[in-house]
Amino acid sequence: MPITLNLTPKEEAVLQKQAARYGMTAEQYIRRRLAKRTFAKAILRKQNLQTLNKLPKSPSDAYEYWKREGVFDVFPTGTDSIELADLLRRQAETRG
């Protein structure tokens, strides 16, 4: 399928320079860039799906996941999270 691009002289020079850098014609360079981008997007899509499939599906799954990942007892002070949030807020307000 033929596609025509109206490039500025500066854009054309950059394209030609990049293509020459890899020993390619401008057409070959554009094809390669498109193929790489398509491949990269496919890989990212696959990784995102794998990540989504690993996410907890229920509250009990989430609890077990957080427990396994060490989310609980992150703060060794034993301070309740609401108390800690209040303490941090007061400290931030008095900073000057």
N, C-alpha and C. Protein backbone atom coordinates (compact mmCIF):
# COMPACT_ATOMS: atom_id res chain seq x y z
N MET A 1 0.85 -1.16 0.00
CA MET A 1 0.00 0.00 0.00
C MET A 1 0.90 1.23 0.00
N PRO A 2 0.85 2.02 -1.00
CA PRO A 2 1.68 3.22 -1.05
C PRO A 2 1.13 4.32 -0.12
N ILE A 3 2.04 4.93 0.63
CA ILE A 3 1.69 6.06 1.49
C ILE A 3 2.65 7.19 1.15
N THR A 4 2.11 8.38 1.04
CA THR A 4 2.93 9.54 0.73
C THR A 4 2.98 10.45 1.96
N LEU A 5 4.18 10.79 2.37
CA LEU A 5 4.37 11.72 3.48
C LEU A 5 4.99 13.00 2.95
N ASN A 6 4.43 14.10 3.33
CA ASN A 6 5.00 15.40 2.97
C ASN A 6 5.87 15.88 4.13
N LEU A 7 7.16 15.60 4.03
CA LEU A 7 8.10 15.96 5.07
C LEU A 7 8.76 17.29 4.76
N THR A 8 9.10 17.99 5.81
CA THR A 8 9.88 19.22 5.62
C THR A 8 11.29 18.78 5.23
N PRO A 9 12.05 19.68 4.63
CA PRO A 9 13.43 19.32 4.30
C PRO A 9 14.22 18.85 5.53
N LYS A 10 13.97 19.48 6.68
CA LYS A 10 14.67 19.10 7.90
C LYS A 10 14.27 17.68 8.33
N GLU A 11 12.98 17.37 8.29
CA GLU A 11 12.51 16.04 8.65
C GLU A 11 13.08 14.99 7.71
N GLU A 12 13.11 15.30 6.44
CA GLU A 12 13.65 14.37 5.45
C GLU A 12 15.13 14.12 5.71
N ALA A 13 15.85 15.18 6.04
CA ALA A 13 17.29 15.04 6.31
C ALA A 13 17.52 14.15 7.53
N VAL A 14 16.71 14.33 8.56
CA VAL A 14 16.84 13.51 9.77
C VAL A 14 16.54 12.06 9.45
N LEU A 15 15.48 11.82 8.68
CA LEU A 15 15.11 10.47 8.28
C LEU A 15 16.23 9.81 7.47
N GLN A 16 16.75 10.52 6.51
CA GLN A 16 17.83 9.99 5.67
C GLN A 16 19.07 9.69 6.53
N LYS A 17 19.37 10.59 7.46
CA LYS A 17 20.55 10.41 8.31
C LYS A 17 20.39 9.17 9.19
N GLN A 18 19.20 9.00 9.79
CA GLN A 18 18.95 7.83 10.63
C GLN A 18 19.03 6.54 9.81
N ALA A 19 18.44 6.56 8.65
CA ALA A 19 18.45 5.37 7.79
C ALA A 19 19.89 5.02 7.39
N ALA A 20 20.66 6.02 7.00
CA ALA A 20 22.05 5.80 6.60
C ALA A 20 22.87 5.27 7.77
N ARG A 21 22.55 5.73 8.95
CA ARG A 21 23.27 5.28 10.14
C ARG A 21 23.18 3.77 10.30
N TYR A 22 22.07 3.19 9.88
CA TYR A 22 21.87 1.74 9.96
C TYR A 22 22.08 1.05 8.62
N GLY A 23 22.56 1.80 7.63
CA GLY A 23 22.84 1.21 6.32
C GLY A 23 21.57 0.83 5.58
N MET A 24 20.53 1.61 5.73
CA MET A 24 19.24 1.30 5.10
C MET A 24 18.76 2.47 4.27
N THR A 25 17.79 2.15 3.43
CA THR A 25 17.08 3.23 2.74
C THR A 25 16.06 3.79 3.72
N ALA A 26 15.49 4.93 3.40
CA ALA A 26 14.47 5.54 4.26
C ALA A 26 13.27 4.59 4.40
N GLU A 27 12.88 3.95 3.31
CA GLU A 27 11.75 3.02 3.34
C GLU A 27 12.03 1.84 4.27
N GLN A 28 13.23 1.27 4.15
CA GLN A 28 13.60 0.14 5.01
C GLN A 28 13.61 0.56 6.48
N TYR A 29 14.14 1.74 6.72
CA TYR A 29 14.22 2.24 8.09
C TYR A 29 12.82 2.42 8.69
N ILE A 30 11.91 3.00 7.93
CA ILE A 30 10.54 3.21 8.40
C ILE A 30 9.87 1.87 8.65
N ARG A 31 10.04 0.92 7.75
CA ARG A 31 9.44 -0.41 7.94
C ARG A 31 9.97 -1.07 9.22
N ARG A 32 11.26 -0.95 9.43
CA ARG A 32 11.87 -1.56 10.61
C ARG A 32 11.34 -0.91 11.88
N ARG A 33 11.25 0.41 11.89
CA ARG A 33 10.74 1.12 13.07
C ARG A 33 9.30 0.73 13.36
N LEU A 34 8.49 0.62 12.33
CA LEU A 34 7.09 0.22 12.53
C LEU A 34 7.01 -1.20 13.06
N ALA A 35 7.81 -2.10 12.52
CA ALA A 35 7.80 -3.49 12.97
C ALA A 35 8.23 -3.58 14.43
N LYS A 36 9.27 -2.84 14.81
CA LYS A 36 9.73 -2.86 16.19
C LYS A 36 8.67 -2.32 17.12
N ARG A 37 8.02 -1.25 16.72
CA ARG A 37 6.99 -0.64 17.56
C ARG A 37 5.81 -1.60 17.74
N THR A 38 5.39 -2.24 16.67
CA THR A 38 4.28 -3.19 16.73
C THR A 38 4.64 -4.36 17.63
N PHE A 39 5.85 -4.86 17.48
CA PHE A 39 6.31 -5.98 18.30
C PHE A 39 6.37 -5.57 19.77
N ALA A 40 6.91 -4.39 20.04
CA ALA A 40 7.02 -3.91 21.42
C ALA A 40 5.64 -3.75 22.05
N LYS A 41 4.70 -3.22 21.29
CA LYS A 41 3.34 -3.05 21.82
C LYS A 41 2.71 -4.40 22.13
N ALA A 42 2.96 -5.39 21.28
CA ALA A 42 2.41 -6.72 21.51
C ALA A 42 3.00 -7.33 22.79
N ILE A 43 4.29 -7.15 22.99
CA ILE A 43 4.95 -7.66 24.20
C ILE A 43 4.36 -6.98 25.43
N LEU A 44 4.21 -5.66 25.38
CA LEU A 44 3.65 -4.93 26.52
C LEU A 44 2.22 -5.38 26.81
N ARG A 45 1.43 -5.59 25.76
CA ARG A 45 0.06 -6.06 25.95
C ARG A 45 0.05 -7.41 26.66
N LYS A 46 0.95 -8.30 26.22
CA LYS A 46 1.03 -9.63 26.82
C LYS A 46 1.45 -9.53 28.29
N GLN A 47 2.44 -8.68 28.58
CA GLN A 47 2.89 -8.50 29.95
C GLN A 47 1.78 -7.91 30.82
N ASN A 48 1.04 -6.95 30.28
CA ASN A 48 -0.06 -6.35 31.04
C ASN A 48 -1.13 -7.38 31.35
N LEU A 49 -1.43 -8.24 30.38
CA LEU A 49 -2.43 -9.28 30.63
C LEU A 49 -1.95 -10.26 31.68
N GLN A 50 -0.67 -10.62 31.63
CA GLN A 50 -0.12 -11.53 32.64
C GLN A 50 -0.19 -10.89 34.03
N THR A 51 0.11 -9.61 34.10
CA THR A 51 0.05 -8.91 35.38
C THR A 51 -1.39 -8.87 35.88
N LEU A 52 -2.32 -8.56 34.99
CA LEU A 52 -3.73 -8.51 35.39
C LEU A 52 -4.21 -9.87 35.88
N ASN A 53 -3.75 -10.92 35.25
CA ASN A 53 -4.17 -12.26 35.65
C ASN A 53 -3.63 -12.64 37.03
N LYS A 54 -2.53 -12.00 37.45
CA LYS A 54 -1.93 -12.31 38.74
C LYS A 54 -2.55 -11.51 39.89
N LEU A 55 -3.33 -10.49 39.57
CA LEU A 55 -3.91 -9.66 40.62
C LEU A 55 -4.94 -10.44 41.42
N PRO A 56 -5.07 -10.09 42.70
CA PRO A 56 -6.07 -10.76 43.53
C PRO A 56 -7.48 -10.56 42.99
N LYS A 57 -8.30 -11.60 43.11
CA LYS A 57 -9.65 -11.53 42.56
C LYS A 57 -10.71 -11.27 43.63
N SER A 58 -10.35 -11.45 44.90
CA SER A 58 -11.32 -11.27 45.98
C SER A 58 -10.63 -10.58 47.15
N PRO A 59 -11.40 -10.06 48.11
CA PRO A 59 -10.77 -9.42 49.27
C PRO A 59 -9.85 -10.39 50.03
N SER A 60 -10.25 -11.65 50.15
CA SER A 60 -9.39 -12.60 50.87
C SER A 60 -8.10 -12.86 50.08
N ASP A 61 -8.20 -12.89 48.75
CA ASP A 61 -6.99 -13.03 47.92
C ASP A 61 -6.08 -11.81 48.10
N ALA A 62 -6.70 -10.62 48.15
CA ALA A 62 -5.92 -9.39 48.33
C ALA A 62 -5.21 -9.43 49.68
N TYR A 63 -5.92 -9.84 50.72
CA TYR A 63 -5.32 -9.92 52.05
C TYR A 63 -4.12 -10.87 52.04
N GLU A 64 -4.30 -12.03 51.46
CA GLU A 64 -3.20 -13.01 51.40
C GLU A 64 -2.02 -12.47 50.59
N TYR A 65 -2.33 -11.78 49.49
CA TYR A 65 -1.28 -11.19 48.65
C TYR A 65 -0.49 -10.15 49.44
N TRP A 66 -1.22 -9.24 50.11
CA TRP A 66 -0.56 -8.18 50.90
C TRP A 66 0.26 -8.79 52.03
N LYS A 67 -0.27 -9.81 52.67
CA LYS A 67 0.44 -10.48 53.76
C LYS A 67 1.73 -11.11 53.23
N ARG A 68 1.62 -11.81 52.09
CA ARG A 68 2.77 -12.47 51.47
C ARG A 68 3.83 -11.45 51.05
N GLU A 69 3.38 -10.28 50.57
CA GLU A 69 4.31 -9.26 50.08
C GLU A 69 4.86 -8.37 51.20
N GLY A 70 4.41 -8.60 52.42
CA GLY A 70 4.95 -7.85 53.55
C GLY A 70 4.39 -6.46 53.72
N VAL A 71 3.19 -6.23 53.23
CA VAL A 71 2.59 -4.90 53.33
C VAL A 71 2.21 -4.60 54.78
N PHE A 72 1.77 -5.59 55.50
CA PHE A 72 1.40 -5.40 56.90
C PHE A 72 2.64 -5.24 57.75
N ASP A 73 2.51 -4.51 58.81
CA ASP A 73 3.62 -4.27 59.75
C ASP A 73 4.82 -3.62 59.06
N VAL A 74 4.52 -2.72 58.14
CA VAL A 74 5.60 -2.01 57.45
C VAL A 74 6.29 -1.05 58.41
N PHE A 75 5.48 -0.43 59.30
CA PHE A 75 6.04 0.53 60.23
C PHE A 75 6.35 -0.19 61.55
N PRO A 76 7.62 -0.29 61.91
CA PRO A 76 8.01 -1.05 63.09
C PRO A 76 7.58 -0.39 64.40
N THR A 77 7.04 0.83 64.35
CA THR A 77 6.68 1.54 65.57
C THR A 77 5.46 0.92 66.24
N GLY A 78 4.68 0.14 65.50
CA GLY A 78 3.47 -0.43 66.05
C GLY A 78 2.33 0.58 66.11
N THR A 79 2.56 1.77 65.59
CA THR A 79 1.56 2.83 65.59
C THR A 79 0.46 2.49 64.59
N ASP A 80 -0.77 2.69 65.01
CA ASP A 80 -1.92 2.49 64.13
C ASP A 80 -1.79 3.43 62.93
N SER A 81 -2.25 3.00 61.78
CA SER A 81 -2.07 3.81 60.57
C SER A 81 -2.76 5.16 60.67
N ILE A 82 -3.91 5.24 61.34
CA ILE A 82 -4.60 6.53 61.48
C ILE A 82 -3.80 7.42 62.42
N GLU A 83 -3.30 6.85 63.49
CA GLU A 83 -2.47 7.62 64.42
C GLU A 83 -1.20 8.10 63.73
N LEU A 84 -0.60 7.23 62.95
CA LEU A 84 0.62 7.59 62.24
C LEU A 84 0.34 8.69 61.23
N ALA A 85 -0.77 8.60 60.51
CA ALA A 85 -1.13 9.63 59.54
C ALA A 85 -1.31 10.98 60.24
N ASP A 86 -1.98 10.98 61.41
CA ASP A 86 -2.16 12.22 62.17
C ASP A 86 -0.83 12.79 62.61
N LEU A 87 0.06 11.91 63.09
CA LEU A 87 1.38 12.35 63.53
C LEU A 87 2.16 12.97 62.37
N LEU A 88 2.16 12.31 61.23
CA LEU A 88 2.88 12.82 60.06
C LEU A 88 2.29 14.14 59.58
N ARG A 89 0.95 14.27 59.65
CA ARG A 89 0.31 15.51 59.24
C ARG A 89 0.71 16.65 60.15
N ARG A 90 0.69 16.39 61.49
CA ARG A 90 1.09 17.43 62.44
C ARG A 90 2.54 17.84 62.23
N GLN A 91 3.42 16.87 61.97
CA GLN A 91 4.83 17.19 61.73
C GLN A 91 4.98 18.04 60.47
N ALA A 92 4.22 17.71 59.45
CA ALA A 92 4.30 18.46 58.20
C ALA A 92 3.78 19.89 58.39
N GLU A 93 2.74 20.04 59.19
CA GLU A 93 2.16 21.37 59.41
C GLU A 93 3.08 22.28 60.21
N THR A 94 3.90 21.68 61.07
CA THR A 94 4.78 22.50 61.92
C THR A 94 6.15 22.75 61.29
N ARG A 95 6.40 22.08 60.18
CA ARG A 95 7.67 22.35 59.48
C ARG A 95 7.63 23.75 58.94
N GLY A 96 8.71 24.39 58.94
CA GLY A 96 8.60 25.73 58.42
C GLY A 96 9.78 26.22 57.79
